[in-house]
PDB file of N, CA and C in Angstrom:
ATOM      1  N   MET A   1       0.824  -1.189   0.000  1.00  0.00           N
ATOM      2  CA  MET A   1       0.000   0.000   0.000  1.00  0.00           C
ATOM      3  C   MET A   1       0.872   1.258   0.000  1.00  0.00           C
ATOM      4  N   PHE A   2       1.956   1.234   0.763  1.00  0.00           N
ATOM      5  CA  PHE A   2       2.843   2.383   0.817  1.00  0.00           C
ATOM      6  C   PHE A   2       3.468   2.648  -0.550  1.00  0.00           C
ATOM      7  N   SER A   3       3.844   1.602  -1.265  1.00  0.00           N
ATOM      8  CA  SER A   3       4.462   1.787  -2.578  1.00  0.00           C
ATOM      9  C   SER A   3       3.467   2.365  -3.577  1.00  0.00           C
ATOM     10  N   ARG A   4       2.180   2.033  -3.426  1.00  0.00           N
ATOM     11  CA  ARG A   4       1.159   2.599  -4.315  1.00  0.00           C
ATOM     12  C   ARG A   4       1.037   4.099  -4.086  1.00  0.00           C
ATOM     13  N   HIS A   5       1.040   4.531  -2.818  1.00  0.00           N
ATOM     14  CA  HIS A   5       0.973   5.968  -2.522  1.00  0.00           C
ATOM     15  C   HIS A   5       2.238   6.676  -3.002  1.00  0.00           C
ATOM     16  N   ARG A   6       3.357   6.008  -2.852  1.00  0.00           N
ATOM     17  CA  ARG A   6       4.620   6.592  -3.304  1.00  0.00           C
ATOM     18  C   ARG A   6       4.622   6.771  -4.820  1.00  0.00           C
ATOM     19  N   ALA A   7       4.122   5.786  -5.552  1.00  0.00           N
ATOM     20  CA  ALA A   7       4.049   5.879  -7.010  1.00  0.00           C
ATOM     21  C   ALA A   7       3.088   6.977  -7.439  1.00  0.00           C
ATOM     22  N   ALA A   8       1.948   7.094  -6.749  1.00  0.00           N
ATOM     23  CA  ALA A   8       0.987   8.149  -7.082  1.00  0.00           C
ATOM     24  C   ALA A   8       1.581   9.527  -6.806  1.00  0.00           C
ATOM     25  N   PHE A   9       2.302   9.646  -5.696  1.00  0.00           N
ATOM     26  CA  PHE A   9       2.945  10.922  -5.377  1.00  0.00           C
ATOM     27  C   PHE A   9       3.984  11.281  -6.431  1.00  0.00           C
ATOM     28  N   ALA A  10       4.781  10.303  -6.851  1.00  0.00           N
ATOM     29  CA  ALA A  10       5.815  10.563  -7.858  1.00  0.00           C
ATOM     30  C   ALA A  10       5.185  10.974  -9.189  1.00  0.00           C
ATOM     31  N   ARG A  11       4.114  10.308  -9.577  1.00  0.00           N
ATOM     32  CA  ARG A  11       3.439  10.641 -10.830  1.00  0.00           C
ATOM     33  C   ARG A  11       2.841  12.052 -10.738  1.00  0.00           C
ATOM     34  N   HIS A  12       2.226  12.357  -9.609  1.00  0.00           N
ATOM     35  CA  HIS A  12       1.631  13.678  -9.403  1.00  0.00           C
ATOM     36  C   HIS A  12       2.715  14.759  -9.419  1.00  0.00           C
ATOM     37  N   TRP A  13       3.810  14.524  -8.736  1.00  0.00           N
ATOM     38  CA  TRP A  13       4.889  15.509  -8.683  1.00  0.00           C
ATOM     39  C   TRP A  13       5.498  15.712 -10.056  1.00  0.00           C
ATOM     40  N   ARG A  14       5.688  14.624 -10.794  1.00  0.00           N
ATOM     41  CA  ARG A  14       6.269  14.701 -12.142  1.00  0.00           C
ATOM     42  C   ARG A  14       5.351  15.495 -13.067  1.00  0.00           C
ATOM     43  N   GLU A  15       4.040  15.254 -12.994  1.00  0.00           N
ATOM     44  CA  GLU A  15       3.087  15.988 -13.821  1.00  0.00           C
ATOM     45  C   GLU A  15       3.117  17.473 -13.481  1.00  0.00           C
ATOM     46  N   THR A  16       3.132  17.790 -12.206  1.00  0.00           N
ATOM     47  CA  THR A  16       3.155  19.183 -11.771  1.00  0.00           C
ATOM     48  C   THR A  16       4.436  19.877 -12.222  1.00  0.00           C
ATOM     49  N   ALA A  17       5.574  19.234 -12.022  1.00  0.00           N
ATOM     50  CA  ALA A  17       6.861  19.842 -12.377  1.00  0.00           C
ATOM     51  C   ALA A  17       7.007  20.031 -13.880  1.00  0.00           C
ATOM     52  N   THR A  18       6.684  19.014 -14.661  1.00  0.00           N
ATOM     53  CA  THR A  18       6.875  19.132 -16.109  1.00  0.00           C
ATOM     54  C   THR A  18       5.939  20.158 -16.729  1.00  0.00           C
ATOM     55  N   SER A  19       4.687  20.186 -16.279  1.00  0.00           N
ATOM     56  CA  SER A  19       3.758  21.168 -16.849  1.00  0.00           C
ATOM     57  C   SER A  19       4.153  22.588 -16.450  1.00  0.00           C
ATOM     58  N   SER A  20       4.645  22.768 -15.246  1.00  0.00           N
ATOM     59  CA  SER A  20       5.061  24.101 -14.795  1.00  0.00           C
ATOM     60  C   SER A  20       6.333  24.549 -15.505  1.00  0.00           C
ATOM     61  N   LEU A  21       7.272  23.637 -15.699  1.00  0.00           N
ATOM     62  CA  LEU A  21       8.490  23.987 -16.427  1.00  0.00           C
ATOM     63  C   LEU A  21       8.190  24.323 -17.879  1.00  0.00           C
ATOM     64  N   LYS A  22       7.289  23.576 -18.487  1.00  0.00           N
ATOM     65  CA  LYS A  22       6.902  23.858 -19.873  1.00  0.00           C
ATOM     66  C   LYS A  22       6.306  25.251 -19.982  1.00  0.00           C
ATOM     67  N   LEU A  23       5.414  25.576 -19.074  1.00  0.00           N
ATOM     68  CA  LEU A  23       4.782  26.893 -19.096  1.00  0.00           C
ATOM     69  C   LEU A  23       5.796  27.995 -18.794  1.00  0.00           C
ATOM     70  N   GLY A  24       6.674  27.743 -17.831  1.00  0.00           N
ATOM     71  CA  GLY A  24       7.659  28.743 -17.452  1.00  0.00           C
ATOM     72  C   GLY A  24       8.668  29.052 -18.544  1.00  0.00           C
ATOM     73  N   THR A  25       9.007  28.069 -19.357  1.00  0.00           N
ATOM     74  CA  THR A  25       9.998  28.304 -20.408  1.00  0.00           C
ATOM     75  C   THR A  25       9.382  28.896 -21.673  1.00  0.00           C
ATOM     76  N   THR A  26       8.085  28.750 -21.857  1.00  0.00           N
ATOM     77  CA  THR A  26       7.462  29.259 -23.075  1.00  0.00           C
ATOM     78  C   THR A  26       6.677  30.545 -22.865  1.00  0.00           C
ATOM     79  N   ALA A  27       6.386  30.909 -21.630  1.00  0.00           N
ATOM     80  CA  ALA A  27       5.569  32.095 -21.365  1.00  0.00           C
ATOM     81  C   ALA A  27       6.447  33.332 -21.235  1.00  0.00           C
ATOM     82  N   TYR A  28       5.852  34.476 -21.479  1.00  0.00           N
ATOM     83  CA  TYR A  28       6.574  35.736 -21.373  1.00  0.00           C
ATOM     84  C   TYR A  28       5.708  36.750 -20.637  1.00  0.00           C
ATOM     85  N   GLY A  29       6.236  37.326 -19.582  1.00  0.00           N
ATOM     86  CA  GLY A  29       5.566  38.422 -18.901  1.00  0.00           C
ATOM     87  C   GLY A  29       4.547  37.988 -17.875  1.00  0.00           C
ATOM     88  N   GLY A  30       4.247  38.890 -16.944  1.00  0.00           N
ATOM     89  CA  GLY A  30       3.375  38.598 -15.820  1.00  0.00           C
ATOM     90  C   GLY A  30       1.919  38.326 -16.151  1.00  0.00           C
ATOM     91  N   PRO A  31       1.183  39.304 -16.674  1.00  0.00           N
ATOM     92  CA  PRO A  31      -0.241  39.074 -16.923  1.00  0.00           C
ATOM     93  C   PRO A  31      -0.507  37.974 -17.947  1.00  0.00           C
ATOM     94  N   VAL A  32       0.387  37.793 -18.882  1.00  0.00           N
ATOM     95  CA  VAL A  32       0.221  36.741 -19.886  1.00  0.00           C
ATOM     96  C   VAL A  32       0.266  35.369 -19.225  1.00  0.00           C
ATOM     97  N   VAL A  33       1.122  35.218 -18.244  1.00  0.00           N
ATOM     98  CA  VAL A  33       1.276  33.927 -17.572  1.00  0.00           C
ATOM     99  C   VAL A  33      -0.013  33.540 -16.848  1.00  0.00           C
ATOM    100  N   ILE A  34      -0.728  34.514 -16.323  1.00  0.00           N
ATOM    101  CA  ILE A  34      -1.978  34.220 -15.617  1.00  0.00           C
ATOM    102  C   ILE A  34      -2.988  33.603 -16.583  1.00  0.00           C
ATOM    103  N   GLY A  35      -3.122  34.168 -17.759  1.00  0.00           N
ATOM    104  CA  GLY A  35      -4.026  33.607 -18.762  1.00  0.00           C
ATOM    105  C   GLY A  35      -3.595  32.239 -19.232  1.00  0.00           C
ATOM    106  N   LEU A  36      -2.295  32.052 -19.404  1.00  0.00           N
ATOM    107  CA  LEU A  36      -1.794  30.741 -19.816  1.00  0.00           C
ATOM    108  C   LEU A  36      -2.003  29.696 -18.726  1.00  0.00           C
ATOM    109  N   ARG A  37      -1.836  30.091 -17.476  1.00  0.00           N
ATOM    110  CA  ARG A  37      -2.086  29.152 -16.375  1.00  0.00           C
ATOM    111  C   ARG A  37      -3.553  28.755 -16.334  1.00  0.00           C
ATOM    112  N   GLN A  38      -4.434  29.714 -16.588  1.00  0.00           N
ATOM    113  CA  GLN A  38      -5.855  29.365 -16.602  1.00  0.00           C
ATOM    114  C   GLN A  38      -6.154  28.409 -17.748  1.00  0.00           C
ATOM    115  N   ALA A  39      -5.631  28.693 -18.922  1.00  0.00           N
ATOM    116  CA  ALA A  39      -5.887  27.822 -20.066  1.00  0.00           C
ATOM    117  C   ALA A  39      -5.318  26.425 -19.842  1.00  0.00           C
ATOM    118  N   GLU A  40      -4.103  26.342 -19.307  1.00  0.00           N
ATOM    119  CA  GLU A  40      -3.442  25.046 -19.139  1.00  0.00           C
ATOM    120  C   GLU A  40      -3.962  24.269 -17.938  1.00  0.00           C
ATOM    121  N   PHE A  41      -3.993  24.906 -16.771  1.00  0.00           N
ATOM    122  CA  PHE A  41      -4.272  24.168 -15.535  1.00  0.00           C
ATOM    123  C   PHE A  41      -5.756  24.111 -15.179  1.00  0.00           C
ATOM    124  N   GLN A  42      -6.492  25.153 -15.470  1.00  0.00           N
ATOM    125  CA  GLN A  42      -7.904  25.153 -15.094  1.00  0.00           C
ATOM    126  C   GLN A  42      -8.781  24.586 -16.211  1.00  0.00           C
ATOM    127  N   GLU A  43      -8.569  25.002 -17.444  1.00  0.00           N
ATOM    128  CA  GLU A  43      -9.436  24.552 -18.521  1.00  0.00           C
ATOM    129  C   GLU A  43      -9.002  23.205 -19.103  1.00  0.00           C
ATOM    130  N   LYS A  44      -7.726  23.080 -19.465  1.00  0.00           N
ATOM    131  CA  LYS A  44      -7.260  21.858 -20.126  1.00  0.00           C
ATOM    132  C   LYS A  44      -7.108  20.688 -19.153  1.00  0.00           C
ATOM    133  N   ARG A  45      -6.363  20.894 -18.078  1.00  0.00           N
ATOM    134  CA  ARG A  45      -6.090  19.807 -17.137  1.00  0.00           C
ATOM    135  C   ARG A  45      -7.143  19.668 -16.036  1.00  0.00           C
ATOM    136  N   GLN A  46      -7.953  20.693 -15.855  1.00  0.00           N
ATOM    137  CA  GLN A  46      -9.025  20.724 -14.855  1.00  0.00           C
ATOM    138  C   GLN A  46      -8.522  20.374 -13.455  1.00  0.00           C
ATOM    139  N   TRP A  47      -7.419  21.027 -13.069  1.00  0.00           N
ATOM    140  CA  TRP A  47      -6.884  20.833 -11.724  1.00  0.00           C
ATOM    141  C   TRP A  47      -7.828  21.425 -10.686  1.00  0.00           C
ATOM    142  N   VAL A  48      -8.432  22.544 -11.017  1.00  0.00           N
ATOM    143  CA  VAL A  48      -9.358  23.221 -10.098  1.00  0.00           C
ATOM    144  C   VAL A  48     -10.556  23.714 -10.894  1.00  0.00           C
ATOM    145  N   PRO A  49     -11.729  23.827 -10.257  1.00  0.00           N
ATOM    146  CA  PRO A  49     -12.878  24.424 -10.951  1.00  0.00           C
ATOM    147  C   PRO A  49     -12.655  25.924 -11.193  1.00  0.00           C
ATOM    148  N   LYS A  50     -13.404  26.486 -12.109  1.00  0.00           N
ATOM    149  CA  LYS A  50     -13.226  27.895 -12.461  1.00  0.00           C
ATOM    150  C   LYS A  50     -13.434  28.809 -11.262  1.00  0.00           C
ATOM    151  N   GLU A  51     -14.412  28.499 -10.416  1.00  0.00           N
ATOM    152  CA  GLU A  51     -14.666  29.331  -9.236  1.00  0.00           C
ATOM    153  C   GLU A  51     -13.458  29.334  -8.308  1.00  0.00           C
ATOM    154  N   ARG A  52     -12.839  28.176  -8.133  1.00  0.00           N
ATOM    155  CA  ARG A  52     -11.647  28.071  -7.268  1.00  0.00           C
ATOM    156  C   ARG A  52     -10.477  28.846  -7.867  1.00  0.00           C
ATOM    157  N   PHE A  53     -10.324  28.775  -9.195  1.00  0.00           N
ATOM    158  CA  PHE A  53      -9.254  29.521  -9.859  1.00  0.00           C
ATOM    159  C   PHE A  53      -9.442  31.014  -9.666  1.00  0.00           C
ATOM    160  N   LEU A  54     -10.661  31.502  -9.898  1.00  0.00           N
ATOM    161  CA  LEU A  54     -10.920  32.939  -9.752  1.00  0.00           C
ATOM    162  C   LEU A  54     -10.798  33.395  -8.303  1.00  0.00           C
ATOM    163  N   GLY A  55     -11.216  32.534  -7.366  1.00  0.00           N
ATOM    164  CA  GLY A  55     -11.030  32.865  -5.951  1.00  0.00           C
ATOM    165  C   GLY A  55      -9.557  32.942  -5.581  1.00  0.00           C
ATOM    166  N   GLY A  56      -8.770  32.007  -6.086  1.00  0.00           N
ATOM    167  CA  GLY A  56      -7.327  32.031  -5.843  1.00  0.00           C
ATOM    168  C   GLY A  56      -6.677  33.250  -6.468  1.00  0.00           C
ATOM    169  N   LEU A  57      -7.115  33.612  -7.660  1.00  0.00           N
ATOM    170  CA  LEU A  57      -6.579  34.799  -8.325  1.00  0.00           C
ATOM    171  C   LEU A  57      -6.888  36.055  -7.525  1.00  0.00           C
ATOM    172  N   SER A  58      -8.096  36.135  -6.979  1.00  0.00           N
ATOM    173  CA  SER A  58      -8.456  37.290  -6.150  1.00  0.00           C
ATOM    174  C   SER A  58      -7.581  37.372  -4.907  1.00  0.00           C
ATOM    175  N   LEU A  59      -7.318  36.229  -4.295  1.00  0.00           N
ATOM    176  CA  LEU A  59      -6.493  36.221  -3.093  1.00  0.00           C
ATOM    177  C   LEU A  59      -5.040  36.589  -3.379  1.00  0.00           C
ATOM    178  N   VAL A  60      -4.483  36.091  -4.487  1.00  0.00           N
ATOM    179  CA  VAL A  60      -3.077  36.384  -4.744  1.00  0.00           C
ATOM    180  C   VAL A  60      -2.849  37.829  -5.137  1.00  0.00           C
ATOM    181  N   HIS A  61      -3.893  38.503  -5.634  1.00  0.00           N
ATOM    182  CA  HIS A  61      -3.741  39.928  -5.934  1.00  0.00           C
ATOM    183  C   HIS A  61      -3.578  40.750  -4.660  1.00  0.00           C
ATOM    184  N   MET A  62      -4.064  40.239  -3.538  1.00  0.00           N
ATOM    185  CA  MET A  62      -3.952  40.967  -2.275  1.00  0.00           C
ATOM    186  C   MET A  62      -2.631  40.689  -1.564  1.00  0.00           C
ATOM    187  N   ARG A  63      -1.938  39.636  -1.943  1.00  0.00           N
ATOM    188  CA  ARG A  63      -0.689  39.266  -1.269  1.00  0.00           C
ATOM    189  C   ARG A  63       0.495  39.966  -1.916  1.00  0.00           C
ATOM    190  N   PRO A  64       1.532  40.238  -1.156  1.00  0.00           N
ATOM    191  CA  PRO A  64       2.726  40.841  -1.757  1.00  0.00           C
ATOM    192  C   PRO A  64       3.491  39.797  -2.567  1.00  0.00           C
ATOM    193  N   GLY A  65       4.198  40.263  -3.555  1.00  0.00           N
ATOM    194  CA  GLY A  65       5.003  39.365  -4.372  1.00  0.00           C
ATOM    195  C   GLY A  65       4.474  39.277  -5.789  1.00  0.00           C
ATOM    196  N   ALA A  66       5.145  38.468  -6.571  1.00  0.00           N
ATOM    197  CA  ALA A  66       4.778  38.312  -7.974  1.00  0.00           C
ATOM    198  C   ALA A  66       3.471  37.519  -8.086  1.00  0.00           C
ATOM    199  N   THR A  67       2.494  38.105  -8.716  1.00  0.00           N
ATOM    200  CA  THR A  67       1.176  37.476  -8.822  1.00  0.00           C
ATOM    201  C   THR A  67       1.224  36.132  -9.541  1.00  0.00           C
ATOM    202  N   PRO A  68       1.927  35.999 -10.689  1.00  0.00           N
ATOM    203  CA  PRO A  68       1.948  34.689 -11.343  1.00  0.00           C
ATOM    204  C   PRO A  68       2.564  33.591 -10.470  1.00  0.00           C
ATOM    205  N   MET A  69       3.577  33.928  -9.711  1.00  0.00           N
ATOM    206  CA  MET A  69       4.194  32.923  -8.841  1.00  0.00           C
ATOM    207  C   MET A  69       3.252  32.525  -7.714  1.00  0.00           C
ATOM    208  N   GLN A  70       2.602  33.512  -7.114  1.00  0.00           N
ATOM    209  CA  GLN A  70       1.642  33.223  -6.057  1.00  0.00           C
ATOM    210  C   GLN A  70       0.481  32.375  -6.588  1.00  0.00           C
ATOM    211  N   LEU A  71       0.028  32.678  -7.803  1.00  0.00           N
ATOM    212  CA  LEU A  71      -1.052  31.904  -8.407  1.00  0.00           C
ATOM    213  C   LEU A  71      -0.603  30.475  -8.670  1.00  0.00           C
ATOM    214  N   GLY A  72       0.616  30.315  -9.152  1.00  0.00           N
ATOM    215  CA  GLY A  72       1.152  28.970  -9.378  1.00  0.00           C
ATOM    216  C   GLY A  72       1.195  28.159  -8.096  1.00  0.00           C
ATOM    217  N   LEU A  73       1.635  28.779  -7.026  1.00  0.00           N
ATOM    218  CA  LEU A  73       1.686  28.066  -5.747  1.00  0.00           C
ATOM    219  C   LEU A  73       0.296  27.677  -5.268  1.00  0.00           C
ATOM    220  N   SER A  74      -0.687  28.565  -5.451  1.00  0.00           N
ATOM    221  CA  SER A  74      -2.037  28.216  -5.015  1.00  0.00           C
ATOM    222  C   SER A  74      -2.619  27.097  -5.877  1.00  0.00           C
ATOM    223  N   LEU A  75      -2.322  27.095  -7.178  1.00  0.00           N
ATOM    224  CA  LEU A  75      -2.789  26.013  -8.046  1.00  0.00           C
ATOM    225  C   LEU A  75      -2.139  24.685  -7.685  1.00  0.00           C
ATOM    226  N   TRP A  76      -0.835  24.710  -7.434  1.00  0.00           N
ATOM    227  CA  TRP A  76      -0.127  23.473  -7.069  1.00  0.00           C
ATOM    228  C   TRP A  76      -0.646  22.934  -5.750  1.00  0.00           C
ATOM    229  N   HIS A  77      -0.940  23.834  -4.831  1.00  0.00           N
ATOM    230  CA  HIS A  77      -1.478  23.414  -3.536  1.00  0.00           C
ATOM    231  C   HIS A  77      -2.860  22.777  -3.713  1.00  0.00           C
ATOM    232  N   ALA A  78      -3.712  23.433  -4.493  1.00  0.00           N
ATOM    233  CA  ALA A  78      -5.052  22.887  -4.730  1.00  0.00           C
ATOM    234  C   ALA A  78      -4.972  21.552  -5.457  1.00  0.00           C
ATOM    235  N   HIS A  79      -4.079  21.432  -6.411  1.00  0.00           N
ATOM    236  CA  HIS A  79      -3.912  20.175  -7.154  1.00  0.00           C
ATOM    237  C   HIS A  79      -3.403  19.076  -6.231  1.00  0.00           C
ATOM    238  N   GLY A  80      -2.486  19.405  -5.349  1.00  0.00           N
ATOM    239  CA  GLY A  80      -1.962  18.427  -4.395  1.00  0.00           C
ATOM    240  C   GLY A  80      -3.013  17.980  -3.397  1.00  0.00           C
ATOM    241  N   ARG A  81      -3.844  18.889  -2.940  1.00  0.00           N
ATOM    242  CA  ARG A  81      -4.918  18.525  -2.000  1.00  0.00           C
ATOM    243  C   ARG A  81      -5.935  17.628  -2.677  1.00  0.00           C
ATOM    244  N   TYR A  82      -6.206  17.877  -3.962  1.00  0.00           N
ATOM    245  CA  TYR A  82      -7.156  17.035  -4.692  1.00  0.00           C
ATOM    246  C   TYR A  82      -6.629  15.604  -4.789  1.00  0.00           C
ATOM    247  N   HIS A  83      -5.358  15.446  -5.111  1.00  0.00           N
ATOM    248  CA  HIS A  83      -4.778  14.103  -5.231  1.00  0.00           C
ATOM    249  C   HIS A  83      -4.600  13.429  -3.886  1.00  0.00           C
ATOM    250  N   ALA A  84      -4.437  14.201  -2.843  1.00  0.00           N
ATOM    251  CA  ALA A  84      -4.278  13.599  -1.507  1.00  0.00           C
ATOM    252  C   ALA A  84      -5.573  12.988  -1.005  1.00  0.00           C
ATOM    253  N   THR A  85      -6.714  13.489  -1.468  1.00  0.00           N
ATOM    254  CA  THR A  85      -7.997  12.977  -1.014  1.00  0.00           C
ATOM    255  C   THR A  85      -8.471  11.775  -1.801  1.00  0.00           C
ATOM    256  N   GLN A  86      -7.813  11.472  -2.908  1.00  0.00           N
ATOM    257  CA  GLN A  86      -8.244  10.331  -3.725  1.00  0.00           C
ATOM    258  C   GLN A  86      -7.569   9.059  -3.292  1.00  0.00           C
TER     259      GLN A  86
END
């Protein structure tokens, strides 16, 4: 059972890392990255529902720091919580 959870974690981590690296190397600029993250992670991969994405976007606008990075962290966190419950 432990090896099954370990394999699922590795697959989840690999998916998260590769998709984020792909987006990070091909995207340009701050506001553009937000739209690309929505298209890739919310619409295509359906990591989070649209309401959750927009709620996360609203929250990261209030926090200090780079908005695209904060949004990425909130998406990765939501994606990880979804896989942890399955």
